[in-house]
Amino acid sequence: MTDWLSSTWEASWRPFQYFNFYRLLLASLILLASLLPDSQISPFHQTNSAGIYQFVLLYLGVVLAGLMLSVHWQRSFNAQLSSQVFADVAFVSFLMYALGGVGSGMGALLLVSLAAASLVGRGRLVLFYAAMATLVTLLVQIYGVLNANFEATSIVQAGFLSAGFFRNGNPCSLAWAARDDQ
């Protein structure tokens, strides 16, 4: 018996390009925030802002490359989506660690990226993204508690955020929520 999803699913390049435009806007806004004076946005200046600035520039380059690939080279959809989700997880995790952990609120950016990836991606790959983001978020938070004086209770907050990754990125839970609304 043939799996109906694999025979009817096709890559959604246009929504994927919109996802990349969101990522470009996000990287640009974070770059702008890292350039503002201390009085305008203080969390970026409590840490090594030069390191954050360089990392944001690197992320901006990765996002631009991903956008160009999605527009001009429309092949290997899953590989392109996976590499860009990996870049988002790495960037947001670094930013979250640099700004003081889950309490900085930067982990919510992963929720948006995983939601967008679940809309353009499919099946088990989306669950893999949620699992990867969960592991990275929890490991960053545990490392921060052990080495960077994060509050120990923030691990619970990281756990709740991680549960949101699965709720947000799971196509089955999205279908369940849509069924409950009817």
N, C-alpha and C. Protein backbone atom coordinates (compact mmCIF):
# COMPACT_ATOMS: atom_id res chain seq x y z
N MET A 1 0.85 -1.18 0.00
CA MET A 1 0.00 0.00 0.00
C MET A 1 0.88 1.24 0.00
N THR A 2 0.60 2.16 -0.85
CA THR A 2 1.39 3.37 -0.99
C THR A 2 0.94 4.40 0.04
N ASP A 3 1.93 5.07 0.61
CA ASP A 3 1.63 6.12 1.58
C ASP A 3 1.08 7.33 0.82
N TRP A 4 -0.13 7.75 1.14
CA TRP A 4 -0.79 8.82 0.40
C TRP A 4 -0.05 10.14 0.53
N LEU A 5 0.60 10.37 1.66
CA LEU A 5 1.28 11.64 1.85
C LEU A 5 2.50 11.75 0.96
N SER A 6 3.25 10.66 0.84
CA SER A 6 4.46 10.73 0.02
C SER A 6 4.12 10.85 -1.46
N SER A 7 2.95 10.40 -1.86
CA SER A 7 2.59 10.49 -3.27
C SER A 7 1.94 11.83 -3.61
N THR A 8 1.41 12.54 -2.64
CA THR A 8 0.74 13.81 -2.93
C THR A 8 1.51 15.02 -2.46
N TRP A 9 2.50 14.85 -1.62
CA TRP A 9 3.22 16.00 -1.08
C TRP A 9 4.23 16.48 -2.10
N GLU A 10 4.32 17.78 -2.26
CA GLU A 10 5.36 18.36 -3.09
C GLU A 10 5.92 19.57 -2.37
N ALA A 11 7.13 19.91 -2.71
CA ALA A 11 7.82 21.00 -2.02
C ALA A 11 7.08 22.32 -2.22
N SER A 12 6.99 23.09 -1.16
CA SER A 12 6.31 24.39 -1.20
C SER A 12 7.37 25.48 -1.21
N TRP A 13 7.84 25.83 -2.39
CA TRP A 13 8.94 26.78 -2.48
C TRP A 13 8.52 28.20 -2.13
N ARG A 14 7.33 28.61 -2.51
CA ARG A 14 6.90 29.99 -2.22
C ARG A 14 6.79 30.23 -0.71
N PRO A 15 6.10 29.38 0.06
CA PRO A 15 6.08 29.59 1.52
C PRO A 15 7.47 29.49 2.14
N PHE A 16 8.31 28.65 1.56
CA PHE A 16 9.68 28.52 2.04
C PHE A 16 10.44 29.83 1.83
N GLN A 17 10.19 30.50 0.73
CA GLN A 17 10.83 31.79 0.48
C GLN A 17 10.31 32.85 1.45
N TYR A 18 9.02 32.79 1.78
CA TYR A 18 8.48 33.71 2.79
C TYR A 18 9.13 33.46 4.15
N PHE A 19 9.35 32.20 4.48
CA PHE A 19 10.06 31.83 5.71
C PHE A 19 11.45 32.45 5.71
N ASN A 20 12.12 32.42 4.56
CA ASN A 20 13.46 33.01 4.47
C ASN A 20 13.42 34.53 4.59
N PHE A 21 12.37 35.16 4.06
CA PHE A 21 12.23 36.61 4.23
C PHE A 21 12.01 36.96 5.70
N TYR A 22 11.24 36.16 6.41
CA TYR A 22 11.08 36.36 7.86
C TYR A 22 12.44 36.26 8.55
N ARG A 23 13.23 35.25 8.20
CA ARG A 23 14.54 35.08 8.82
C ARG A 23 15.45 36.27 8.51
N LEU A 24 15.37 36.79 7.29
CA LEU A 24 16.16 37.96 6.91
C LEU A 24 15.75 39.19 7.73
N LEU A 25 14.45 39.38 7.89
CA LEU A 25 13.95 40.49 8.70
C LEU A 25 14.40 40.34 10.15
N LEU A 26 14.31 39.12 10.68
CA LEU A 26 14.73 38.85 12.05
C LEU A 26 16.22 39.15 12.25
N ALA A 27 17.05 38.66 11.33
CA ALA A 27 18.49 38.91 11.44
C ALA A 27 18.80 40.40 11.34
N SER A 28 18.09 41.11 10.47
CA SER A 28 18.32 42.55 10.33
C SER A 28 17.91 43.31 11.60
N LEU A 29 16.79 42.92 12.19
CA LEU A 29 16.36 43.59 13.42
C LEU A 29 17.30 43.30 14.59
N ILE A 30 17.81 42.09 14.68
CA ILE A 30 18.75 41.77 15.76
C ILE A 30 20.08 42.50 15.53
N LEU A 31 20.49 42.63 14.26
CA LEU A 31 21.69 43.40 13.96
C LEU A 31 21.49 44.86 14.36
N LEU A 32 20.32 45.41 14.05
CA LEU A 32 20.01 46.78 14.44
C LEU A 32 20.01 46.93 15.96
N ALA A 33 19.44 45.96 16.65
CA ALA A 33 19.40 46.01 18.12
C ALA A 33 20.80 45.95 18.71
N SER A 34 21.70 45.20 18.08
CA SER A 34 23.06 45.12 18.62
C SER A 34 23.85 46.40 18.35
N LEU A 35 23.40 47.22 17.41
CA LEU A 35 24.09 48.47 17.09
C LEU A 35 23.56 49.68 17.86
N LEU A 36 22.36 49.55 18.45
CA LEU A 36 21.78 50.67 19.19
C LEU A 36 22.59 50.98 20.44
N PRO A 37 22.53 52.23 20.91
CA PRO A 37 23.25 52.58 22.14
C PRO A 37 22.71 51.83 23.36
N ASP A 38 23.50 51.83 24.42
CA ASP A 38 23.15 51.09 25.63
C ASP A 38 21.80 51.48 26.21
N SER A 39 21.45 52.74 26.11
CA SER A 39 20.21 53.19 26.72
C SER A 39 18.98 52.68 25.97
N GLN A 40 19.11 52.34 24.70
CA GLN A 40 17.97 51.91 23.90
C GLN A 40 17.57 50.46 24.17
N ILE A 41 18.56 49.57 24.22
CA ILE A 41 18.26 48.15 24.41
C ILE A 41 19.40 47.54 25.22
N SER A 42 19.18 47.39 26.49
CA SER A 42 20.26 47.02 27.40
C SER A 42 20.67 45.55 27.37
N PRO A 43 19.81 44.57 27.10
CA PRO A 43 20.28 43.18 27.20
C PRO A 43 21.43 42.85 26.25
N PHE A 44 21.49 43.49 25.09
CA PHE A 44 22.56 43.20 24.16
C PHE A 44 23.90 43.75 24.64
N HIS A 45 23.87 44.74 25.53
CA HIS A 45 25.10 45.37 25.96
C HIS A 45 25.56 44.91 27.34
N GLN A 46 24.85 43.98 27.93
CA GLN A 46 25.29 43.41 29.20
C GLN A 46 26.35 42.36 28.98
N THR A 47 26.47 41.89 27.77
CA THR A 47 27.42 40.83 27.45
C THR A 47 28.43 41.37 26.44
N ASN A 48 29.16 40.47 25.85
CA ASN A 48 30.16 40.82 24.85
C ASN A 48 29.45 41.19 23.55
N SER A 49 29.12 42.47 23.38
CA SER A 49 28.33 42.88 22.22
C SER A 49 29.12 42.76 20.92
N ALA A 50 30.46 42.82 20.98
CA ALA A 50 31.25 42.64 19.76
C ALA A 50 31.11 41.21 19.23
N GLY A 51 31.09 40.24 20.13
CA GLY A 51 30.90 38.85 19.73
C GLY A 51 29.52 38.61 19.17
N ILE A 52 28.52 39.24 19.78
CA ILE A 52 27.15 39.11 19.27
C ILE A 52 27.04 39.75 17.90
N TYR A 53 27.64 40.91 17.74
CA TYR A 53 27.60 41.62 16.46
C TYR A 53 28.20 40.77 15.35
N GLN A 54 29.36 40.16 15.59
CA GLN A 54 30.00 39.32 14.58
C GLN A 54 29.16 38.08 14.27
N PHE A 55 28.57 37.49 15.29
CA PHE A 55 27.75 36.30 15.08
C PHE A 55 26.47 36.64 14.32
N VAL A 56 25.90 37.81 14.59
CA VAL A 56 24.70 38.24 13.85
C VAL A 56 25.05 38.49 12.39
N LEU A 57 26.21 39.07 12.12
CA LEU A 57 26.65 39.26 10.73
C LEU A 57 26.81 37.92 10.02
N LEU A 58 27.38 36.94 10.72
CA LEU A 58 27.53 35.60 10.15
C LEU A 58 26.16 34.99 9.86
N TYR A 59 25.24 35.12 10.79
CA TYR A 59 23.89 34.59 10.60
C TYR A 59 23.19 35.30 9.44
N LEU A 60 23.37 36.61 9.33
CA LEU A 60 22.79 37.36 8.23
C LEU A 60 23.31 36.83 6.89
N GLY A 61 24.59 36.51 6.83
CA GLY A 61 25.16 35.92 5.61
C GLY A 61 24.57 34.55 5.30
N VAL A 62 24.38 33.74 6.33
CA VAL A 62 23.77 32.42 6.14
C VAL A 62 22.34 32.55 5.65
N VAL A 63 21.61 33.49 6.22
CA VAL A 63 20.22 33.71 5.81
C VAL A 63 20.14 34.19 4.37
N LEU A 64 21.02 35.12 4.00
CA LEU A 64 21.03 35.60 2.61
C LEU A 64 21.37 34.47 1.64
N ALA A 65 22.33 33.63 2.00
CA ALA A 65 22.68 32.49 1.15
C ALA A 65 21.49 31.53 1.03
N GLY A 66 20.81 31.28 2.14
CA GLY A 66 19.64 30.41 2.10
C GLY A 66 18.52 30.99 1.26
N LEU A 67 18.32 32.28 1.34
CA LEU A 67 17.29 32.93 0.53
C LEU A 67 17.63 32.83 -0.95
N MET A 68 18.88 33.09 -1.29
CA MET A 68 19.28 33.00 -2.69
C MET A 68 19.15 31.57 -3.22
N LEU A 69 19.50 30.60 -2.40
CA LEU A 69 19.34 29.21 -2.82
C LEU A 69 17.88 28.85 -3.04
N SER A 70 17.01 29.30 -2.15
CA SER A 70 15.60 28.96 -2.27
C SER A 70 14.94 29.64 -3.47
N VAL A 71 15.49 30.75 -3.91
CA VAL A 71 14.94 31.45 -5.07
C VAL A 71 15.52 30.91 -6.38
N HIS A 72 16.84 30.71 -6.41
CA HIS A 72 17.50 30.40 -7.68
C HIS A 72 17.84 28.92 -7.88
N TRP A 73 17.84 28.11 -6.84
CA TRP A 73 18.21 26.70 -6.98
C TRP A 73 17.17 25.87 -6.24
N GLN A 74 16.08 25.59 -6.89
CA GLN A 74 14.96 24.93 -6.24
C GLN A 74 15.09 23.41 -6.37
N ARG A 75 16.08 22.88 -5.69
CA ARG A 75 16.31 21.44 -5.61
C ARG A 75 16.63 21.11 -4.14
N SER A 76 16.49 19.87 -3.80
CA SER A 76 16.82 19.38 -2.44
C SER A 76 16.10 20.20 -1.37
N PHE A 77 14.79 20.19 -1.45
CA PHE A 77 13.98 20.99 -0.54
C PHE A 77 14.25 20.64 0.92
N ASN A 78 14.23 19.35 1.25
CA ASN A 78 14.43 18.94 2.65
C ASN A 78 15.82 19.30 3.15
N ALA A 79 16.83 19.19 2.30
CA ALA A 79 18.19 19.57 2.71
C ALA A 79 18.28 21.07 2.97
N GLN A 80 17.66 21.87 2.11
CA GLN A 80 17.69 23.31 2.32
C GLN A 80 16.93 23.70 3.60
N LEU A 81 15.75 23.11 3.78
CA LEU A 81 14.97 23.42 4.98
C LEU A 81 15.72 23.00 6.23
N SER A 82 16.29 21.81 6.21
CA SER A 82 17.01 21.30 7.39
C SER A 82 18.21 22.17 7.72
N SER A 83 18.98 22.56 6.71
CA SER A 83 20.16 23.38 6.99
C SER A 83 19.76 24.73 7.56
N GLN A 84 18.64 25.28 7.11
CA GLN A 84 18.23 26.57 7.63
C GLN A 84 17.63 26.48 9.03
N VAL A 85 16.94 25.39 9.31
CA VAL A 85 16.45 25.20 10.68
C VAL A 85 17.62 24.96 11.62
N PHE A 86 18.63 24.21 11.18
CA PHE A 86 19.83 24.00 12.01
C PHE A 86 20.50 25.35 12.29
N ALA A 87 20.60 26.21 11.28
CA ALA A 87 21.20 27.53 11.48
C ALA A 87 20.39 28.35 12.48
N ASP A 88 19.07 28.28 12.40
CA ASP A 88 18.22 29.01 13.34
C ASP A 88 18.42 28.51 14.76
N VAL A 89 18.47 27.20 14.93
CA VAL A 89 18.65 26.63 16.26
C VAL A 89 20.01 27.03 16.82
N ALA A 90 21.05 26.96 16.01
CA ALA A 90 22.39 27.33 16.48
C ALA A 90 22.44 28.82 16.84
N PHE A 91 21.90 29.67 15.98
CA PHE A 91 21.94 31.11 16.22
C PHE A 91 21.15 31.49 17.47
N VAL A 92 19.93 31.03 17.56
CA VAL A 92 19.09 31.40 18.71
C VAL A 92 19.66 30.83 20.00
N SER A 93 20.25 29.65 19.95
CA SER A 93 20.86 29.07 21.15
C SER A 93 22.05 29.90 21.61
N PHE A 94 22.89 30.32 20.67
CA PHE A 94 24.03 31.17 21.03
C PHE A 94 23.53 32.49 21.61
N LEU A 95 22.55 33.08 20.96
CA LEU A 95 22.01 34.35 21.43
C LEU A 95 21.36 34.20 22.80
N MET A 96 20.65 33.10 22.98
CA MET A 96 20.00 32.84 24.26
C MET A 96 21.05 32.69 25.37
N TYR A 97 22.12 31.97 25.09
CA TYR A 97 23.19 31.81 26.09
C TYR A 97 23.86 33.15 26.39
N ALA A 98 24.17 33.90 25.33
CA ALA A 98 24.87 35.17 25.51
C ALA A 98 24.04 36.19 26.28
N LEU A 99 22.71 36.11 26.18
CA LEU A 99 21.85 37.09 26.84
C LEU A 99 21.29 36.61 28.17
N GLY A 100 21.75 35.47 28.66
CA GLY A 100 21.36 35.05 30.00
C GLY A 100 20.42 33.87 30.09
N GLY A 101 20.25 33.14 29.01
CA GLY A 101 19.44 31.93 29.07
C GLY A 101 18.01 32.11 28.61
N VAL A 102 17.17 31.19 29.00
CA VAL A 102 15.78 31.16 28.56
C VAL A 102 15.03 32.40 29.05
N GLY A 103 15.42 32.94 30.18
CA GLY A 103 14.77 34.13 30.73
C GLY A 103 14.89 35.35 29.85
N SER A 104 15.81 35.35 28.90
CA SER A 104 15.95 36.49 27.99
C SER A 104 14.79 36.59 27.00
N GLY A 105 14.07 35.49 26.81
CA GLY A 105 12.95 35.49 25.87
C GLY A 105 13.33 35.15 24.45
N MET A 106 14.60 34.95 24.18
CA MET A 106 15.03 34.65 22.82
C MET A 106 14.60 33.26 22.36
N GLY A 107 14.31 32.38 23.29
CA GLY A 107 13.86 31.04 22.93
C GLY A 107 12.54 31.05 22.17
N ALA A 108 11.76 32.09 22.35
CA ALA A 108 10.48 32.20 21.63
C ALA A 108 10.70 32.33 20.13
N LEU A 109 11.88 32.81 19.72
CA LEU A 109 12.17 32.89 18.30
C LEU A 109 12.23 31.50 17.68
N LEU A 110 12.65 30.52 18.47
CA LEU A 110 12.66 29.14 17.96
C LEU A 110 11.25 28.62 17.73
N LEU A 111 10.31 29.04 18.54
CA LEU A 111 8.93 28.62 18.34
C LEU A 111 8.42 29.06 16.96
N VAL A 112 8.75 30.27 16.58
CA VAL A 112 8.30 30.78 15.29
C VAL A 112 8.99 30.04 14.15
N SER A 113 10.29 29.81 14.28
CA SER A 113 11.01 29.10 13.23
C SER A 113 10.51 27.67 13.08
N LEU A 114 10.25 27.01 14.19
CA LEU A 114 9.75 25.63 14.12
C LEU A 114 8.33 25.59 13.58
N ALA A 115 7.52 26.57 13.90
CA ALA A 115 6.17 26.62 13.36
C ALA A 115 6.21 26.81 11.84
N ALA A 116 7.06 27.70 11.38
CA ALA A 116 7.18 27.91 9.94
C ALA A 116 7.74 26.67 9.25
N ALA A 117 8.71 26.02 9.87
CA ALA A 117 9.26 24.80 9.29
C ALA A 117 8.21 23.70 9.25
N SER A 118 7.33 23.65 10.23
CA SER A 118 6.29 22.62 10.22
C SER A 118 5.24 22.91 9.15
N LEU A 119 5.07 24.16 8.76
CA LEU A 119 4.11 24.48 7.71
C LEU A 119 4.64 24.13 6.33
N VAL A 120 5.94 24.27 6.12
CA VAL A 120 6.49 23.98 4.79
C VAL A 120 7.12 22.60 4.72
N GLY A 121 7.49 22.03 5.86
CA GLY A 121 8.08 20.69 5.88
C GLY A 121 7.02 19.63 6.07
N ARG A 122 7.47 18.42 6.39
CA ARG A 122 6.50 17.36 6.57
C ARG A 122 7.00 16.29 7.53
N GLY A 123 6.05 15.65 8.19
CA GLY A 123 6.22 14.41 8.92
C GLY A 123 7.29 14.35 9.97
N ARG A 124 8.05 13.28 9.91
CA ARG A 124 9.06 12.98 10.92
C ARG A 124 10.17 14.01 10.97
N LEU A 125 10.44 14.63 9.85
CA LEU A 125 11.50 15.64 9.82
C LEU A 125 11.15 16.81 10.74
N VAL A 126 9.89 17.19 10.79
CA VAL A 126 9.44 18.29 11.66
C VAL A 126 9.62 17.89 13.12
N LEU A 127 9.30 16.64 13.44
CA LEU A 127 9.50 16.17 14.81
C LEU A 127 11.00 16.13 15.16
N PHE A 128 11.83 15.81 14.19
CA PHE A 128 13.28 15.85 14.42
C PHE A 128 13.74 17.27 14.74
N TYR A 129 13.21 18.27 14.04
CA TYR A 129 13.57 19.66 14.33
C TYR A 129 13.19 20.03 15.76
N ALA A 130 12.00 19.61 16.18
CA ALA A 130 11.55 19.91 17.55
C ALA A 130 12.45 19.21 18.57
N ALA A 131 12.81 17.96 18.29
CA ALA A 131 13.69 17.22 19.21
C ALA A 131 15.07 17.87 19.28
N MET A 132 15.60 18.28 18.14
CA MET A 132 16.92 18.92 18.12
C MET A 132 16.88 20.24 18.89
N ALA A 133 15.86 21.05 18.66
CA ALA A 133 15.74 22.32 19.38
C ALA A 133 15.59 22.10 20.87
N THR A 134 14.87 21.04 21.26
CA THR A 134 14.70 20.71 22.68
C THR A 134 16.03 20.36 23.31
N LEU A 135 16.78 19.48 22.67
CA LEU A 135 18.07 19.07 23.23
C LEU A 135 19.02 20.26 23.35
N VAL A 136 19.09 21.06 22.33
CA VAL A 136 20.01 22.21 22.36
C VAL A 136 19.58 23.21 23.43
N THR A 137 18.29 23.49 23.53
CA THR A 137 17.81 24.44 24.53
C THR A 137 18.11 23.95 25.94
N LEU A 138 17.81 22.69 26.20
CA LEU A 138 18.08 22.15 27.54
C LEU A 138 19.57 22.09 27.85
N LEU A 139 20.38 21.71 26.87
CA LEU A 139 21.83 21.65 27.10
C LEU A 139 22.43 23.04 27.33
N VAL A 140 21.98 24.02 26.58
CA VAL A 140 22.47 25.39 26.78
C VAL A 140 22.09 25.88 28.17
N GLN A 141 20.87 25.58 28.58
CA GLN A 141 20.42 26.04 29.89
C GLN A 141 21.18 25.33 31.01
N ILE A 142 21.38 24.04 30.88
CA ILE A 142 22.13 23.29 31.91
C ILE A 142 23.57 23.79 31.96
N TYR A 143 24.17 24.01 30.80
CA TYR A 143 25.54 24.55 30.77
C TYR A 143 25.60 25.92 31.44
N GLY A 144 24.60 26.74 31.19
CA GLY A 144 24.56 28.07 31.81
C GLY A 144 24.38 28.00 33.31
N VAL A 145 23.60 27.04 33.79
CA VAL A 145 23.42 26.88 35.24
C VAL A 145 24.74 26.44 35.87
N LEU A 146 25.44 25.55 35.21
CA LEU A 146 26.69 25.03 35.78
C LEU A 146 27.86 25.99 35.65
N ASN A 147 27.91 26.77 34.57
CA ASN A 147 29.11 27.57 34.30
C ASN A 147 28.90 29.08 34.23
N ALA A 148 27.68 29.55 34.04
CA ALA A 148 27.49 30.98 33.82
C ALA A 148 26.52 31.61 34.81
N ASN A 149 26.29 30.98 35.92
CA ASN A 149 25.44 31.52 36.99
C ASN A 149 24.01 31.82 36.57
N PHE A 150 23.44 30.99 35.69
CA PHE A 150 22.01 31.11 35.42
C PHE A 150 21.28 30.56 36.63
N GLU A 151 20.04 30.97 36.80
CA GLU A 151 19.25 30.44 37.90
C GLU A 151 18.91 28.98 37.64
N ALA A 152 19.02 28.15 38.68
CA ALA A 152 18.76 26.72 38.51
C ALA A 152 17.30 26.45 38.16
N THR A 153 16.41 27.29 38.61
CA THR A 153 14.99 27.09 38.32
C THR A 153 14.65 27.37 36.86
N SER A 154 15.56 27.97 36.13
CA SER A 154 15.29 28.28 34.73
C SER A 154 15.27 27.02 33.87
N ILE A 155 15.76 25.91 34.39
CA ILE A 155 15.70 24.66 33.64
C ILE A 155 14.25 24.24 33.45
N VAL A 156 13.41 24.52 34.43
CA VAL A 156 11.97 24.21 34.29
C VAL A 156 11.38 25.05 33.17
N GLN A 157 11.74 26.31 33.10
CA GLN A 157 11.26 27.18 32.03
C GLN A 157 11.74 26.66 30.68
N ALA A 158 12.98 26.18 30.61
CA ALA A 158 13.49 25.60 29.36
C ALA A 158 12.69 24.34 28.99
N GLY A 159 12.29 23.57 29.99
CA GLY A 159 11.47 22.39 29.73
C GLY A 159 10.11 22.75 29.17
N PHE A 160 9.48 23.79 29.71
CA PHE A 160 8.19 24.24 29.18
C PHE A 160 8.32 24.77 27.75
N LEU A 161 9.39 25.51 27.50
CA LEU A 161 9.64 25.99 26.15
C LEU A 161 9.82 24.81 25.20
N SER A 162 10.53 23.81 25.65
CA SER A 162 10.77 22.63 24.82
C SER A 162 9.48 21.86 24.54
N ALA A 163 8.59 21.82 25.51
CA ALA A 163 7.28 21.19 25.27
C ALA A 163 6.52 21.97 24.21
N GLY A 164 6.69 23.27 24.20
CA GLY A 164 6.07 24.10 23.17
C GLY A 164 6.61 23.81 21.78
N PHE A 165 7.88 23.42 21.71
CA PHE A 165 8.44 23.06 20.40
C PHE A 165 7.68 21.89 19.80
N PHE A 166 7.36 20.91 20.62
CA PHE A 166 6.65 19.74 20.12
C PHE A 166 5.19 20.05 19.84
N ARG A 167 4.59 20.84 20.66
CA ARG A 167 3.19 21.20 20.44
C ARG A 167 3.06 22.06 19.19
N ASN A 168 4.03 22.94 19.01
CA ASN A 168 4.00 23.88 17.90
C ASN A 168 4.35 23.23 16.57
N GLY A 169 5.32 22.33 16.58
CA GLY A 169 5.83 21.79 15.33
C GLY A 169 5.24 20.45 14.93
N ASN A 170 4.37 19.88 15.73
CA ASN A 170 3.84 18.56 15.44
C ASN A 170 2.59 18.69 14.57
N PRO A 171 2.66 18.19 13.34
CA PRO A 171 1.49 18.30 12.47
C PRO A 171 0.27 17.60 13.05
N CYS A 172 0.48 16.54 13.80
CA CYS A 172 -0.66 15.83 14.41
C CYS A 172 -1.35 16.72 15.44
N SER A 173 -0.57 17.46 16.24
CA SER A 173 -1.19 18.33 17.25
C SER A 173 -1.88 19.52 16.59
N LEU A 174 -1.34 19.98 15.46
CA LEU A 174 -2.00 21.06 14.74
C LEU A 174 -3.34 20.59 14.18
N ALA A 175 -3.36 19.37 13.66
CA ALA A 175 -4.62 18.81 13.15
C ALA A 175 -5.60 18.59 14.29
N TRP A 176 -5.10 18.13 15.45
CA TRP A 176 -5.96 17.91 16.60
C TRP A 176 -6.58 19.24 17.08
N ALA A 177 -5.75 20.30 17.11
CA ALA A 177 -6.25 21.60 17.54
C ALA A 177 -7.29 22.13 16.55
N ALA A 178 -7.10 21.90 15.26
CA ALA A 178 -8.07 22.34 14.27
C ALA A 178 -9.37 21.57 14.41
N ARG A 179 -9.27 20.29 14.75
CA ARG A 179 -10.47 19.47 14.94
C ARG A 179 -11.23 19.93 16.16
N ASP A 180 -10.52 20.35 17.22
CA ASP A 180 -11.17 20.82 18.45
C ASP A 180 -11.92 22.13 18.23
N ASP A 181 -11.47 22.93 17.28
CA ASP A 181 -12.12 24.21 17.03
C ASP A 181 -13.47 24.06 16.33
N GLN A 182 -13.70 22.94 15.69
CA GLN A 182 -14.94 22.74 14.94
C GLN A 182 -16.10 22.36 15.82
